[in-house]
Every structure is written in structure tokens, then in C-alpha cells.
């Protein structure tokens, strides 16, 4: 008798489980669509690497020192490269490239 009740409870629980996961998948898909939309709306693109190179060369000719430390809102971590802050925009990427060219290393 005890095994029958447990079996029935387990079977009933398994019947409701797919509905819970389906809702989570829908929520995750909606969040991913929103994230994709936000990323595609950002105007920055490093596709024109020439502009970045021109900025860095100009700064080097003027003997301008790059910023000493990355701003805290860039969430810079050891081992990062400029590609890791791509989403912070042209200014962040160009500052990173300038620092790298000037010192030969990353922050």
C-alpha cells in the first residue's frame, strides 16, 4: 500500500514537471531576445579598426599618456584584453588600445 501511494505521488509530480520547465524556457528565450535587441542597438563597432589605429597613432605622436587604470565601471579583470571591453564603446576600446600600444601590456 505504501509503495502505491509513493508511486502515485512520483507519477503525479512528473506530470507537472514539464510545464514548469517550459515556462522557464520561454522566459529564458524572451530574455535572450531582449538582450540581443539591446546589443544590436548599440552603435559602436570595431569593424573600422583604421579609426582606432589612427587615434592611437595620433595620441602617440602627441606623446599623450593613456589613462593609468581602467575605470571601475569597465569591470576590468586580470587577463582581459581590449576585446573584453568591446561592449563599453569606442572610447573604452580606444583607451585600451592606446594603453596596450604605449606600455606593451594590458592593465
C-alpha atoms as a PDB file:
ATOM      1  CA  UNK A   1       0.000   0.000   0.000  1.00  0.00           C
ATOM      2  CA  UNK A   2       2.800   2.441   0.918  1.00  0.00           C
ATOM      3  CA  UNK A   3       4.630   1.822  -2.376  1.00  0.00           C
ATOM      4  CA  UNK A   4       1.448   2.519  -4.337  1.00  0.00           C
ATOM      5  CA  UNK A   5       0.969   5.921  -2.697  1.00  0.00           C
ATOM      6  CA  UNK A   6       4.618   6.852  -3.269  1.00  0.00           C
ATOM      7  CA  UNK A   7       4.451   5.692  -6.876  1.00  0.00           C
ATOM      8  CA  UNK A   8       1.302   7.715  -7.461  1.00  0.00           C
ATOM      9  CA  UNK A   9       2.861  10.812  -5.888  1.00  0.00           C
ATOM     10  CA  UNK A  10       6.009  10.483  -8.002  1.00  0.00           C
ATOM     11  CA  UNK A  11       3.973   9.950 -11.172  1.00  0.00           C
ATOM     12  CA  UNK A  12       1.822  12.988 -10.388  1.00  0.00           C
ATOM     13  CA  UNK A  13       4.923  15.105  -9.775  1.00  0.00           C
ATOM     14  CA  UNK A  14       6.472  14.075 -13.084  1.00  0.00           C
ATOM     15  CA  UNK A  15       3.317  15.079 -14.941  1.00  0.00           C
ATOM     16  CA  UNK A  16       3.640  18.672 -13.728  1.00  0.00           C
ATOM     17  CA  UNK A  17       7.413  18.995 -14.201  1.00  0.00           C
ATOM     18  CA  UNK A  18       7.402  19.679 -17.989  1.00  0.00           C
ATOM     19  CA  UNK A  19       5.028  22.608 -17.509  1.00  0.00           C
ATOM     20  CA  UNK A  20       7.446  24.232 -15.054  1.00  0.00           C
ATOM     21  CA  UNK A  21      10.436  23.787 -17.361  1.00  0.00           C
ATOM     22  CA  UNK A  22       8.528  25.021 -20.388  1.00  0.00           C
ATOM     23  CA  UNK A  23       7.785  28.289 -18.603  1.00  0.00           C
ATOM     24  CA  UNK A  24      11.474  28.697 -17.700  1.00  0.00           C
ATOM     25  CA  UNK A  25      12.495  28.066 -21.316  1.00  0.00           C
ATOM     26  CA  UNK A  26      10.001  30.667 -22.543  1.00  0.00           C
ATOM     27  CA  UNK A  27      11.299  33.184 -20.013  1.00  0.00           C
ATOM     28  CA  UNK A  28      14.898  32.481 -20.988  1.00  0.00           C
ATOM     29  CA  UNK A  29      14.079  32.838 -24.683  1.00  0.00           C
ATOM     30  CA  UNK A  30      12.349  36.174 -24.027  1.00  0.00           C
ATOM     31  CA  UNK A  31      15.313  37.440 -22.013  1.00  0.00           C
ATOM     32  CA  UNK A  32      17.721  36.339 -24.768  1.00  0.00           C
ATOM     33  CA  UNK A  33      15.667  38.162 -27.418  1.00  0.00           C
ATOM     34  CA  UNK A  34      15.722  41.326 -25.283  1.00  0.00           C
ATOM     35  CA  UNK A  35      19.481  41.045 -24.764  1.00  0.00           C
ATOM     36  CA  UNK A  36      20.064  40.524 -28.487  1.00  0.00           C
ATOM     37  CA  UNK A  37      17.950  43.595 -29.237  1.00  0.00           C
ATOM     38  CA  UNK A  38      19.931  45.745 -26.783  1.00  0.00           C
ATOM     39  CA  UNK A  39      23.278  44.593 -28.172  1.00  0.00           C
ATOM     40  CA  UNK A  40      22.252  45.234 -31.771  1.00  0.00           C
ATOM     41  CA  UNK A  41      21.021  48.740 -30.898  1.00  0.00           C
ATOM     42  CA  UNK A  42      24.479  49.823 -29.738  1.00  0.00           C
ATOM     43  CA  UNK A  43      26.093  51.985 -32.419  1.00  0.00           C
ATOM     44  CA  UNK A  44      29.713  51.006 -31.702  1.00  0.00           C
ATOM     45  CA  UNK A  45      31.592  48.643 -33.943  1.00  0.00           C
ATOM     46  CA  UNK A  46      35.287  47.944 -34.172  1.00  0.00           C
ATOM     47  CA  UNK A  47      34.757  46.996 -37.788  1.00  0.00           C
ATOM     48  CA  UNK A  48      36.700  50.148 -38.674  1.00  0.00           C
ATOM     49  CA  UNK A  49      39.954  49.229 -36.975  1.00  0.00           C
ATOM     50  CA  UNK A  50      41.587  52.003 -39.004  1.00  0.00           C
ATOM     51  CA  UNK A  51      39.911  54.668 -36.861  1.00  0.00           C
ATOM     52  CA  UNK A  52      41.203  53.033 -33.700  1.00  0.00           C
ATOM     53  CA  UNK A  53      44.715  52.794 -35.162  1.00  0.00           C
ATOM     54  CA  UNK A  54      44.590  56.442 -36.276  1.00  0.00           C
ATOM     55  CA  UNK A  55      43.500  57.511 -32.779  1.00  0.00           C
ATOM     56  CA  UNK A  56      46.331  55.579 -31.148  1.00  0.00           C
ATOM     57  CA  UNK A  57      48.941  56.834 -33.636  1.00  0.00           C
ATOM     58  CA  UNK A  58      47.804  60.425 -33.120  1.00  0.00           C
ATOM     59  CA  UNK A  59      47.994  60.039 -29.342  1.00  0.00           C
ATOM     60  CA  UNK A  60      51.464  58.514 -29.630  1.00  0.00           C
ATOM     61  CA  UNK A  61      52.676  61.378 -31.887  1.00  0.00           C
ATOM     62  CA  UNK A  62      51.421  63.907 -29.332  1.00  0.00           C
ATOM     63  CA  UNK A  63      53.128  61.883 -26.584  1.00  0.00           C
ATOM     64  CA  UNK A  64      49.848  61.619 -24.682  1.00  0.00           C
ATOM     65  CA  UNK A  65      49.919  59.104 -21.868  1.00  0.00           C
ATOM     66  CA  UNK A  66      46.954  56.753 -21.669  1.00  0.00           C
ATOM     67  CA  UNK A  67      44.787  56.560 -18.582  1.00  0.00           C
ATOM     68  CA  UNK A  68      46.621  54.825 -15.748  1.00  0.00           C
ATOM     69  CA  UNK A  69      43.834  52.473 -14.677  1.00  0.00           C
ATOM     70  CA  UNK A  70      40.654  51.351 -16.357  1.00  0.00           C
ATOM     71  CA  UNK A  71      37.514  52.948 -14.902  1.00  0.00           C
ATOM     72  CA  UNK A  72      35.766  50.740 -12.376  1.00  0.00           C
ATOM     73  CA  UNK A  73      32.606  50.574 -14.490  1.00  0.00           C
ATOM     74  CA  UNK A  74      34.541  48.607 -17.133  1.00  0.00           C
ATOM     75  CA  UNK A  75      34.818  45.673 -14.705  1.00  0.00           C
ATOM     76  CA  UNK A  76      38.382  45.021 -15.865  1.00  0.00           C
ATOM     77  CA  UNK A  77      39.827  41.695 -14.715  1.00  0.00           C
ATOM     78  CA  UNK A  78      43.390  40.333 -14.908  1.00  0.00           C
ATOM     79  CA  UNK A  79      43.863  38.522 -18.192  1.00  0.00           C
ATOM     80  CA  UNK A  80      41.396  40.689 -20.119  1.00  0.00           C
ATOM     81  CA  UNK A  81      42.195  42.210 -23.491  1.00  0.00           C
ATOM     82  CA  UNK A  82      40.533  45.080 -25.323  1.00  0.00           C
ATOM     83  CA  UNK A  83      38.060  42.589 -26.787  1.00  0.00           C
ATOM     84  CA  UNK A  84      36.646  42.069 -23.294  1.00  0.00           C
ATOM     85  CA  UNK A  85      35.519  45.702 -23.054  1.00  0.00           C
ATOM     86  CA  UNK A  86      34.199  45.914 -26.599  1.00  0.00           C
ATOM     87  CA  UNK A  87      30.667  46.487 -25.291  1.00  0.00           C
ATOM     88  CA  UNK A  88      31.700  49.625 -23.404  1.00  0.00           C
ATOM     89  CA  UNK A  89      32.032  51.561 -26.652  1.00  0.00           C
ATOM     90  CA  UNK A  90      34.572  53.293 -28.836  1.00  0.00           C
ATOM     91  CA  UNK A  91      36.116  55.378 -26.045  1.00  0.00           C
ATOM     92  CA  UNK A  92      36.804  52.357 -23.841  1.00  0.00           C
ATOM     93  CA  UNK A  93      38.188  50.315 -26.710  1.00  0.00           C
ATOM     94  CA  UNK A  94      40.409  53.138 -27.977  1.00  0.00           C
ATOM     95  CA  UNK A  95      41.735  53.845 -24.462  1.00  0.00           C
ATOM     96  CA  UNK A  96      42.557  50.175 -24.046  1.00  0.00           C
ATOM     97  CA  UNK A  97      44.302  50.049 -27.430  1.00  0.00           C
ATOM     98  CA  UNK A  98      46.272  53.193 -26.592  1.00  0.00           C
ATOM     99  CA  UNK A  99      47.381  51.775 -23.246  1.00  0.00           C
ATOM    100  CA  UNK A 100      48.380  48.485 -24.856  1.00  0.00           C
ATOM    101  CA  UNK A 101      50.367  50.187 -27.610  1.00  0.00           C
ATOM    102  CA  UNK A 102      52.023  52.623 -25.175  1.00  0.00           C
ATOM    103  CA  UNK A 103      53.053  50.142 -22.469  1.00  0.00           C
ATOM    104  CA  UNK A 104      53.044  46.875 -24.436  1.00  0.00           C
ATOM    105  CA  UNK A 105      50.720  45.231 -21.923  1.00  0.00           C
ATOM    106  CA  UNK A 106      47.195  45.456 -20.583  1.00  0.00           C
ATOM    107  CA  UNK A 107      46.180  46.943 -17.245  1.00  0.00           C
END
